[in-house]
């Protein structure tokens, strides 16, 4: 499956999903983000290290505990509840979205 997104700002994004249907191979996810002067990637489904490179700098790895700390800080007022949910993929972001809808305000960007 391939999807190309065109945003009002002029930004374009592509999402490509490939299913190998090879039951003997592990079913993992790799996310790669390429943009001007930056590369970010993760091989983790739920939580894990994040690989990043900016400009001509070296490729670096942000360890899983630092990724979790950033997500926890980003949870803001939800930090108490979020601490136990950090290992559940997208749950903190989903919680923020639903809370915004229930409060009648725009979701955080």
N, C-alpha and C. Protein backbone atom coordinates (compact mmCIF):
# COMPACT_ATOMS: atom_id res chain seq x y z
N UNK A 1 0.84 -1.14 0.00
CA UNK A 1 0.00 0.00 0.00
C UNK A 1 0.90 1.23 0.00
N UNK A 2 0.55 2.19 -0.79
CA UNK A 2 1.29 3.45 -0.81
C UNK A 2 0.30 4.60 -0.84
N UNK A 3 0.57 5.60 -0.04
CA UNK A 3 -0.29 6.79 0.03
C UNK A 3 0.61 8.01 -0.07
N UNK A 4 0.21 8.97 -0.88
CA UNK A 4 0.93 10.24 -0.93
C UNK A 4 0.00 11.32 -0.42
N UNK A 5 0.48 12.07 0.55
CA UNK A 5 -0.31 13.13 1.17
C UNK A 5 0.22 14.48 0.72
N UNK A 6 -0.69 15.39 0.39
CA UNK A 6 -0.34 16.76 0.01
C UNK A 6 -1.02 17.69 1.02
N UNK A 7 -0.24 18.47 1.74
CA UNK A 7 -0.76 19.36 2.76
C UNK A 7 -0.90 20.78 2.21
N UNK A 8 -1.77 21.56 2.81
CA UNK A 8 -2.02 22.94 2.37
C UNK A 8 -0.74 23.77 2.40
N UNK A 9 0.18 23.44 3.31
CA UNK A 9 1.43 24.20 3.42
C UNK A 9 2.39 23.91 2.26
N UNK A 10 2.07 22.90 1.45
CA UNK A 10 2.96 22.50 0.37
C UNK A 10 3.77 21.26 0.72
N UNK A 11 3.75 20.88 1.98
CA UNK A 11 4.45 19.68 2.43
C UNK A 11 3.84 18.45 1.77
N UNK A 12 4.69 17.53 1.38
CA UNK A 12 4.22 16.26 0.81
C UNK A 12 4.81 15.14 1.64
N UNK A 13 4.05 14.09 1.85
CA UNK A 13 4.52 12.94 2.60
C UNK A 13 4.06 11.67 1.91
N UNK A 14 4.85 10.63 2.03
CA UNK A 14 4.49 9.33 1.48
C UNK A 14 4.52 8.29 2.59
N UNK A 15 3.54 7.43 2.57
CA UNK A 15 3.46 6.31 3.50
C UNK A 15 3.43 5.04 2.66
N UNK A 16 4.39 4.18 2.91
CA UNK A 16 4.46 2.91 2.18
C UNK A 16 4.44 1.79 3.20
N UNK A 17 3.56 0.84 3.01
CA UNK A 17 3.44 -0.29 3.91
C UNK A 17 3.56 -1.57 3.10
N UNK A 18 4.47 -2.43 3.50
CA UNK A 18 4.71 -3.67 2.78
C UNK A 18 4.51 -4.84 3.75
N UNK A 19 3.71 -5.79 3.36
CA UNK A 19 3.51 -6.99 4.15
C UNK A 19 4.17 -8.15 3.43
N UNK A 20 5.09 -8.82 4.09
CA UNK A 20 5.87 -9.85 3.42
C UNK A 20 5.19 -11.22 3.40
N UNK A 21 4.23 -11.49 4.26
CA UNK A 21 3.51 -12.76 4.31
C UNK A 21 4.47 -13.96 4.37
N UNK A 22 5.52 -13.80 5.16
CA UNK A 22 6.49 -14.87 5.37
C UNK A 22 6.47 -15.20 6.85
N UNK A 23 5.71 -16.22 7.22
CA UNK A 23 5.47 -16.49 8.64
C UNK A 23 6.72 -16.85 9.41
N UNK A 24 7.78 -17.30 8.75
CA UNK A 24 9.01 -17.64 9.45
C UNK A 24 9.84 -16.41 9.80
N UNK A 25 9.54 -15.27 9.18
CA UNK A 25 10.27 -14.03 9.49
C UNK A 25 9.53 -13.27 10.58
N UNK A 26 10.27 -12.58 11.43
CA UNK A 26 9.59 -11.78 12.45
C UNK A 26 8.77 -10.66 11.82
N UNK A 27 7.67 -10.34 12.44
CA UNK A 27 6.82 -9.25 11.97
C UNK A 27 7.17 -8.00 12.76
N UNK A 28 8.03 -7.19 12.22
CA UNK A 28 8.43 -5.97 12.91
C UNK A 28 8.05 -4.75 12.09
N UNK A 29 8.20 -3.61 12.67
CA UNK A 29 7.88 -2.36 11.98
C UNK A 29 9.14 -1.50 11.95
N UNK A 30 9.38 -0.88 10.83
CA UNK A 30 10.46 0.10 10.73
C UNK A 30 9.85 1.38 10.21
N UNK A 31 10.05 2.44 10.93
CA UNK A 31 9.57 3.75 10.54
C UNK A 31 10.78 4.59 10.16
N UNK A 32 10.77 5.17 8.97
CA UNK A 32 11.83 6.05 8.52
C UNK A 32 11.22 7.37 8.09
N UNK A 33 11.79 8.44 8.57
CA UNK A 33 11.35 9.79 8.19
C UNK A 33 12.55 10.50 7.58
N UNK A 34 12.39 10.91 6.32
CA UNK A 34 13.42 11.68 5.62
C UNK A 34 12.85 13.06 5.33
N UNK A 35 13.62 14.10 5.59
CA UNK A 35 13.22 15.46 5.21
C UNK A 35 14.50 16.25 4.98
N UNK A 36 14.36 17.50 4.60
CA UNK A 36 15.55 18.32 4.35
C UNK A 36 16.48 18.26 5.56
N UNK A 37 17.68 17.80 5.34
CA UNK A 37 18.74 17.78 6.34
C UNK A 37 18.44 16.97 7.59
N UNK A 38 17.56 15.97 7.49
CA UNK A 38 17.27 15.15 8.67
C UNK A 38 16.79 13.75 8.28
N UNK A 39 17.14 12.81 9.14
CA UNK A 39 16.70 11.42 9.02
C UNK A 39 16.40 10.93 10.42
N UNK A 40 15.24 10.30 10.61
CA UNK A 40 14.84 9.75 11.90
C UNK A 40 14.27 8.37 11.62
N UNK A 41 14.63 7.38 12.45
CA UNK A 41 14.14 6.02 12.22
C UNK A 41 13.97 5.28 13.53
N UNK A 42 13.10 4.29 13.49
CA UNK A 42 12.89 3.41 14.63
C UNK A 42 12.53 2.03 14.12
N UNK A 43 13.09 1.02 14.77
CA UNK A 43 12.76 -0.37 14.46
C UNK A 43 11.82 -0.94 15.51
N UNK A 44 11.34 -0.12 16.41
CA UNK A 44 10.54 -0.59 17.54
C UNK A 44 9.05 -0.42 17.28
N UNK A 45 8.29 -1.45 17.58
CA UNK A 45 6.83 -1.37 17.46
C UNK A 45 6.24 -0.49 18.55
N UNK A 46 6.59 -0.75 19.78
CA UNK A 46 5.94 -0.09 20.90
C UNK A 46 6.84 0.94 21.58
N UNK A 47 8.07 0.60 21.81
CA UNK A 47 9.02 1.52 22.41
C UNK A 47 10.41 1.02 22.06
N UNK A 48 11.35 1.91 22.05
CA UNK A 48 12.71 1.50 21.71
C UNK A 48 13.57 2.69 21.35
N UNK A 49 14.77 2.38 20.91
CA UNK A 49 15.71 3.42 20.51
C UNK A 49 15.22 4.14 19.26
N UNK A 50 15.66 5.40 19.10
CA UNK A 50 15.36 6.18 17.89
C UNK A 50 16.70 6.61 17.29
N UNK A 51 16.87 6.33 16.01
CA UNK A 51 18.08 6.70 15.28
C UNK A 51 17.82 8.05 14.61
N UNK A 52 18.80 8.96 14.66
CA UNK A 52 18.60 10.25 14.00
C UNK A 52 19.92 10.79 13.46
N UNK A 53 19.79 11.57 12.41
CA UNK A 53 20.94 12.24 11.80
C UNK A 53 20.46 13.58 11.28
N UNK A 54 21.20 14.63 11.58
CA UNK A 54 20.83 15.97 11.14
C UNK A 54 21.97 16.56 10.31
N UNK A 55 21.61 17.06 9.13
CA UNK A 55 22.63 17.64 8.25
C UNK A 55 23.72 16.63 7.92
N UNK A 56 24.95 17.09 7.95
CA UNK A 56 26.09 16.21 7.67
C UNK A 56 26.66 15.59 8.94
N UNK A 57 25.95 15.76 10.05
CA UNK A 57 26.41 15.20 11.31
C UNK A 57 26.34 13.68 11.32
N UNK A 58 26.90 13.08 12.35
CA UNK A 58 26.90 11.62 12.44
C UNK A 58 25.52 11.07 12.79
N UNK A 59 25.27 9.84 12.41
CA UNK A 59 24.06 9.16 12.83
C UNK A 59 24.19 8.86 14.32
N UNK A 60 23.15 9.16 15.07
CA UNK A 60 23.18 8.96 16.52
C UNK A 60 21.97 8.14 16.94
N UNK A 61 22.05 7.57 18.13
CA UNK A 61 20.96 6.77 18.67
C UNK A 61 20.50 7.40 19.98
N UNK A 62 19.20 7.68 20.07
CA UNK A 62 18.60 8.12 21.33
C UNK A 62 18.07 6.86 22.01
N UNK A 63 18.60 6.51 23.18
CA UNK A 63 18.17 5.29 23.84
C UNK A 63 16.69 5.34 24.27
N UNK A 64 16.12 4.17 24.39
CA UNK A 64 14.70 4.04 24.72
C UNK A 64 14.31 4.85 25.95
N UNK A 65 15.14 4.87 26.99
CA UNK A 65 14.77 5.60 28.22
C UNK A 65 14.69 7.10 27.97
N UNK A 66 15.51 7.64 27.06
CA UNK A 66 15.43 9.07 26.73
C UNK A 66 14.17 9.36 25.89
N UNK A 67 13.83 8.45 24.99
CA UNK A 67 12.61 8.60 24.20
C UNK A 67 11.40 8.63 25.14
N UNK A 68 11.37 7.70 26.09
CA UNK A 68 10.27 7.63 27.06
C UNK A 68 10.20 8.91 27.90
N UNK A 69 11.35 9.45 28.29
CA UNK A 69 11.37 10.68 29.09
C UNK A 69 10.80 11.85 28.29
N UNK A 70 11.14 11.96 27.00
CA UNK A 70 10.58 13.02 26.16
C UNK A 70 9.08 12.89 26.01
N UNK A 71 8.61 11.66 25.81
CA UNK A 71 7.17 11.43 25.70
C UNK A 71 6.47 11.79 27.00
N UNK A 72 7.09 11.44 28.12
CA UNK A 72 6.52 11.75 29.42
C UNK A 72 6.42 13.26 29.63
N UNK A 73 7.49 13.99 29.28
CA UNK A 73 7.46 15.46 29.39
C UNK A 73 6.40 16.05 28.48
N UNK A 74 6.27 15.50 27.27
CA UNK A 74 5.28 15.99 26.31
C UNK A 74 3.85 15.72 26.76
N UNK A 75 3.68 14.78 27.68
CA UNK A 75 2.34 14.47 28.17
C UNK A 75 1.79 15.58 29.05
N UNK A 76 2.67 16.48 29.51
CA UNK A 76 2.24 17.65 30.28
C UNK A 76 1.37 17.29 31.48
N UNK A 77 0.17 17.84 31.52
CA UNK A 77 -0.72 17.64 32.67
C UNK A 77 -1.16 16.21 32.81
N UNK A 78 -0.97 15.41 31.79
CA UNK A 78 -1.35 14.00 31.84
C UNK A 78 -0.20 13.13 32.32
N UNK A 79 0.88 13.73 32.77
CA UNK A 79 2.10 12.98 33.07
C UNK A 79 1.87 11.88 34.10
N UNK A 80 1.07 12.11 35.11
CA UNK A 80 0.83 11.09 36.12
C UNK A 80 0.19 9.85 35.53
N UNK A 81 -0.86 10.05 34.76
CA UNK A 81 -1.52 8.92 34.09
C UNK A 81 -0.64 8.33 33.01
N UNK A 82 0.09 9.18 32.32
CA UNK A 82 0.89 8.72 31.19
C UNK A 82 2.03 7.82 31.61
N UNK A 83 2.56 8.02 32.82
CA UNK A 83 3.72 7.25 33.25
C UNK A 83 3.48 5.75 33.12
N UNK A 84 2.30 5.29 33.47
CA UNK A 84 2.03 3.85 33.40
C UNK A 84 1.60 3.41 32.00
N UNK A 85 1.33 4.38 31.11
CA UNK A 85 0.86 4.06 29.77
C UNK A 85 1.94 4.17 28.69
N UNK A 86 3.13 4.60 29.07
CA UNK A 86 4.16 4.89 28.07
C UNK A 86 4.51 3.71 27.20
N UNK A 87 4.33 2.51 27.65
CA UNK A 87 4.69 1.33 26.88
C UNK A 87 3.59 0.92 25.89
N UNK A 88 2.47 1.62 25.91
CA UNK A 88 1.36 1.28 25.02
C UNK A 88 1.39 2.26 23.85
N UNK A 89 1.68 1.72 22.66
CA UNK A 89 1.87 2.55 21.49
C UNK A 89 0.69 3.49 21.25
N UNK A 90 0.97 4.75 21.08
CA UNK A 90 0.01 5.80 20.73
C UNK A 90 -1.00 6.13 21.82
N UNK A 91 -0.98 5.45 22.94
CA UNK A 91 -2.03 5.67 23.93
C UNK A 91 -1.98 7.08 24.53
N UNK A 92 -0.78 7.58 24.79
CA UNK A 92 -0.67 8.93 25.36
C UNK A 92 -1.20 9.97 24.38
N UNK A 93 -0.85 9.81 23.10
CA UNK A 93 -1.33 10.74 22.08
C UNK A 93 -2.84 10.62 21.91
N UNK A 94 -3.35 9.40 21.91
CA UNK A 94 -4.80 9.20 21.80
C UNK A 94 -5.52 9.84 22.98
N UNK A 95 -4.96 9.68 24.17
CA UNK A 95 -5.56 10.27 25.37
C UNK A 95 -5.63 11.80 25.24
N UNK A 96 -4.55 12.41 24.78
CA UNK A 96 -4.53 13.87 24.61
C UNK A 96 -5.58 14.32 23.60
N UNK A 97 -5.73 13.57 22.51
CA UNK A 97 -6.72 13.91 21.49
C UNK A 97 -8.14 13.81 22.04
N UNK A 98 -8.45 12.72 22.73
CA UNK A 98 -9.80 12.54 23.27
C UNK A 98 -10.11 13.58 24.34
N UNK A 99 -9.14 13.88 25.20
CA UNK A 99 -9.36 14.92 26.22
C UNK A 99 -9.65 16.27 25.58
N UNK A 100 -8.96 16.60 24.50
CA UNK A 100 -9.22 17.87 23.81
C UNK A 100 -10.63 17.89 23.23
N UNK A 101 -11.05 16.79 22.63
CA UNK A 101 -12.41 16.73 22.08
C UNK A 101 -13.45 16.89 23.17
N UNK A 102 -13.26 16.20 24.28
CA UNK A 102 -14.22 16.28 25.39
C UNK A 102 -14.28 17.68 26.00
N UNK A 103 -13.13 18.38 25.97
CA UNK A 103 -13.08 19.74 26.52
C UNK A 103 -13.52 20.79 25.51
N UNK A 104 -13.80 20.37 24.27
CA UNK A 104 -14.24 21.31 23.24
C UNK A 104 -13.15 22.24 22.76
N UNK A 105 -11.90 21.80 22.81
CA UNK A 105 -10.78 22.64 22.34
C UNK A 105 -10.00 21.91 21.26
N UNK A 106 -9.16 22.65 20.54
CA UNK A 106 -8.31 22.08 19.50
C UNK A 106 -7.29 21.15 20.14
N UNK A 107 -7.05 19.99 19.55
CA UNK A 107 -5.99 19.12 20.06
C UNK A 107 -4.63 19.80 19.96
N UNK A 108 -3.71 19.42 20.85
CA UNK A 108 -2.36 19.96 20.82
C UNK A 108 -1.69 19.59 19.51
N UNK A 109 -0.87 20.48 18.99
CA UNK A 109 -0.12 20.19 17.76
C UNK A 109 1.10 19.39 18.05
